[in-house]
Protein backbone atom coordinates (compact mmCIF):
# COMPACT_ATOMS: atom_id res chain seq x y z
CA MET A 1 3.44 11.74 -18.53
CA ARG A 2 4.45 11.94 -14.87
CA PRO A 3 2.47 14.39 -12.71
CA THR A 4 4.48 17.09 -10.92
CA THR A 5 1.72 19.49 -9.81
CA SER A 6 -1.77 18.95 -8.45
CA GLY A 7 -3.28 20.09 -11.79
CA GLN A 8 -1.16 17.58 -13.67
CA LEU A 9 -2.12 14.92 -11.12
CA LEU A 10 -5.80 15.56 -11.86
CA LEU A 11 -5.17 15.22 -15.61
CA PHE A 12 -3.05 12.10 -15.01
CA GLU A 13 -5.81 10.59 -12.89
CA ARG A 14 -8.38 11.19 -15.64
CA LEU A 15 -6.16 9.73 -18.37
CA ALA A 16 -4.90 6.73 -16.38
CA LYS A 17 -6.03 3.35 -17.62
CA GLY A 18 -8.34 1.61 -15.20
CA ASN A 19 -10.07 3.05 -12.19
CA TRP A 20 -7.99 4.81 -9.55
CA THR A 21 -8.62 6.09 -6.06
CA ASN A 22 -6.25 8.38 -4.17
CA ILE A 23 -5.84 7.58 -0.48
CA GLY A 24 -3.99 9.94 1.85
CA TYR A 25 -1.78 8.70 4.67
CA ILE A 26 -0.53 10.94 7.45
CA ARG A 27 2.08 9.81 9.94
CA LYS A 28 2.40 12.18 12.89
CA SER A 29 5.49 11.68 15.07
CA PRO A 30 5.22 11.51 18.86
CA GLY A 31 5.34 14.93 20.43
CA GLN A 32 4.51 17.04 23.44
CA GLU A 33 2.02 19.35 21.69
CA PRO A 34 -1.38 19.86 23.30
CA VAL A 35 -4.12 17.61 21.88
CA GLU A 36 -5.81 20.53 20.10
CA THR A 37 -2.55 21.53 18.41
CA ARG A 38 -1.92 17.97 17.20
CA LYS A 39 -5.47 17.80 15.88
CA ARG A 40 -5.05 21.10 14.03
CA LEU A 41 -1.74 19.96 12.48
CA ILE A 42 -3.25 16.66 11.36
CA GLU A 43 -6.25 18.45 9.86
CA ALA A 44 -3.90 20.81 7.99
CA MET A 45 -2.00 17.86 6.52
CA ALA A 46 -5.28 16.14 5.58
CA ASP A 47 -6.51 19.29 3.84
CA ARG A 48 -3.23 19.53 1.93
CA LEU A 49 -3.53 15.92 0.72
CA LYS A 50 -7.17 16.42 -0.28
CA LYS A 51 -6.47 19.63 -2.20
CA GLN A 52 -3.14 18.81 -3.81
CA CYS A 53 -3.38 15.05 -4.31
CA LEU A 54 -7.16 14.79 -4.67
CA CYS A 55 -7.44 12.18 -1.90
CA LYS A 56 -10.91 10.75 -1.36
CA LYS A 57 -10.05 9.33 2.07
CA THR A 58 -7.29 10.12 4.55
CA PHE A 59 -5.92 7.84 7.26
CA VAL A 60 -3.71 8.89 10.18
CA SER A 61 -1.07 7.20 12.29
CA ASP A 62 -0.77 9.52 15.28
CA GLY A 63 2.28 9.07 17.50
CA THR A 64 4.46 6.79 15.37
CA ARG A 65 8.04 7.27 14.22
CA SER A 66 9.07 7.15 10.58
CA SER A 67 11.23 4.12 11.40
CA ASP A 68 8.35 2.12 12.97
CA PRO A 69 7.24 -0.88 10.85
CA ILE A 70 4.36 0.26 8.63
CA LEU A 71 2.32 -2.95 8.84
CA SER A 72 2.26 -2.98 12.65
CA ARG A 73 1.45 0.70 13.20
CA ASP A 74 -1.68 1.36 15.25
CA VAL A 75 -2.30 -2.33 16.04
CA GLY A 76 -4.70 -2.29 18.98
CA SER A 77 -4.96 1.50 18.87
CA THR A 78 -8.33 3.13 19.41
CA ARG A 79 -7.02 6.57 18.39
CA SER A 80 -8.57 7.63 15.13
CA HIS A 81 -8.59 10.77 12.98
CA CYS A 82 -10.05 11.45 9.55
CA ASN A 83 -11.16 8.08 8.08
CA GLY A 84 -9.24 5.94 10.55
CA ASN A 85 -5.75 4.75 11.47
CA THR A 86 -3.15 2.64 9.64
CA GLN A 87 -4.95 -0.65 10.24
CA ASP A 88 -8.23 0.87 9.00
CA MET A 89 -6.35 2.02 5.89
CA PHE A 90 -5.06 -1.49 5.17
CA ALA A 91 -8.58 -2.90 5.63
CA TYR A 92 -9.93 -0.30 3.20
CA ILE A 93 -7.16 -0.91 0.66
CA SER A 94 -7.58 -4.69 0.79
CA SER A 95 -11.26 -4.33 -0.10
CA ALA A 96 -10.74 -1.66 -2.77
CA THR A 97 -12.06 -2.44 -6.22
CA LYS A 98 -9.98 0.32 -7.81
CA ASN A 99 -6.22 0.72 -8.16
CA VAL A 100 -4.93 2.55 -5.09
CA ARG A 101 -2.60 5.52 -5.29
CA LEU A 102 -1.25 6.08 -1.75
CA CYS A 103 -0.38 9.75 -1.19
CA VAL A 104 1.96 10.99 1.55
CA ILE A 105 3.69 14.23 2.46
CA ASP A 106 7.45 13.82 1.93
CA TYR A 107 9.33 10.54 1.99
CA ALA A 108 9.28 10.22 5.78
CA GLY A 109 5.49 10.53 5.66
CA ILE A 110 5.44 6.80 5.05
CA SER A 111 8.80 5.48 6.31
CA THR A 112 12.54 6.06 6.46
CA ASN A 113 13.18 2.32 6.25
CA PRO A 114 13.53 1.23 2.59
CA GLU A 115 13.26 -2.48 3.42
CA ASP A 116 10.00 -1.87 5.29
CA ILE A 117 8.57 -0.03 2.28
CA LYS A 118 9.58 -2.90 0.01
CA LYS A 119 7.96 -5.42 2.38
CA THR A 120 4.76 -3.40 2.67
CA MET A 121 4.43 -3.03 -1.10
CA ARG A 122 5.04 -6.77 -1.54
CA LEU A 123 2.28 -7.66 0.93
CA VAL A 124 -0.26 -4.94 0.09
CA ARG A 125 -0.78 -5.63 -3.62
CA ASN A 126 -3.63 -3.15 -4.20
CA ILE A 127 -1.28 -0.18 -3.82
CA LYS A 128 -0.21 0.41 -7.41
CA GLU A 129 1.47 3.76 -6.95
CA LEU A 130 2.95 5.94 -4.24
CA GLU A 131 2.59 9.72 -4.58
CA ILE A 132 5.03 11.85 -2.61
CA LEU A 133 3.84 15.41 -2.06
CA HIS A 134 6.85 17.69 -1.85
CA LYS A 135 6.80 21.46 -1.25
CA SER A 136 6.33 22.39 -4.90
CA ASN A 137 5.67 19.17 -6.79
CA VAL A 138 4.18 15.69 -6.67
CA GLU A 139 6.39 12.68 -7.35
CA ALA A 140 4.80 9.51 -8.71
CA ILE A 141 6.51 6.19 -7.94
CA ASN A 142 4.96 2.98 -9.25
CA ARG A 143 5.18 -0.24 -7.28
CA HIS A 144 7.82 -1.70 -9.61
CA GLU A 145 10.13 1.28 -9.06
CA LEU A 146 9.82 0.68 -5.31
CA LYS A 147 11.72 -2.58 -5.77
CA THR A 148 14.89 -0.81 -6.89
CA ASP A 149 17.59 0.45 -4.54
CA LYS A 150 17.93 3.62 -6.64
CA THR A 151 14.37 4.59 -5.71
CA LEU A 152 14.29 3.18 -2.18
CA ILE A 153 17.39 5.14 -1.11
CA LYS A 154 15.30 8.33 -1.34
CA PHE A 155 13.41 7.26 1.76
CA GLN A 156 16.57 7.34 3.92
CA CYS A 157 16.11 11.09 4.03
CA ARG A 158 15.67 12.28 7.57
CA THR A 159 18.21 14.80 8.82
CA GLY A 160 15.73 16.71 10.95
CA PRO A 161 12.01 17.34 11.37
CA VAL A 162 10.00 18.41 8.35
CA HIS A 163 6.98 20.66 8.85
CA ARG A 164 4.31 18.86 6.80
CA SER A 165 1.25 20.78 7.99
CA LYS A 166 2.01 24.11 6.33
């Protein structure tokens, strides 16, 4: 059974073999919005991940592009929202004792570079599944599927900005 709604995700999480933890990841592009507006948009995305993907923790990369290398995002950054930035997330994931399900809003929420996704998944072994929250469904992609070009091509998706905080 593959979850497609948040209710099905909850059932899937309960039935999954082993222990799982859902971690949310928000990537906010650079922009000219006032600080308070950016904070409100990030909080809206975090709430969406918590409610629809049942995320226990949420990490934010504020001011990075979808094409920026995932593993080097926020290196040396002191900016932090929610439970921390990208580097804090990797530290948390590397010490996790449960299987990690990384949840993002749309494909570009993690990256538009398929090779970078493949590299990240190869190096960060505790991420067992990637959950993509779309407008009306949740797509589950296991780490083995992320090795195939058929799956990775989905991440080359950007034709314009997507409003992820609604």
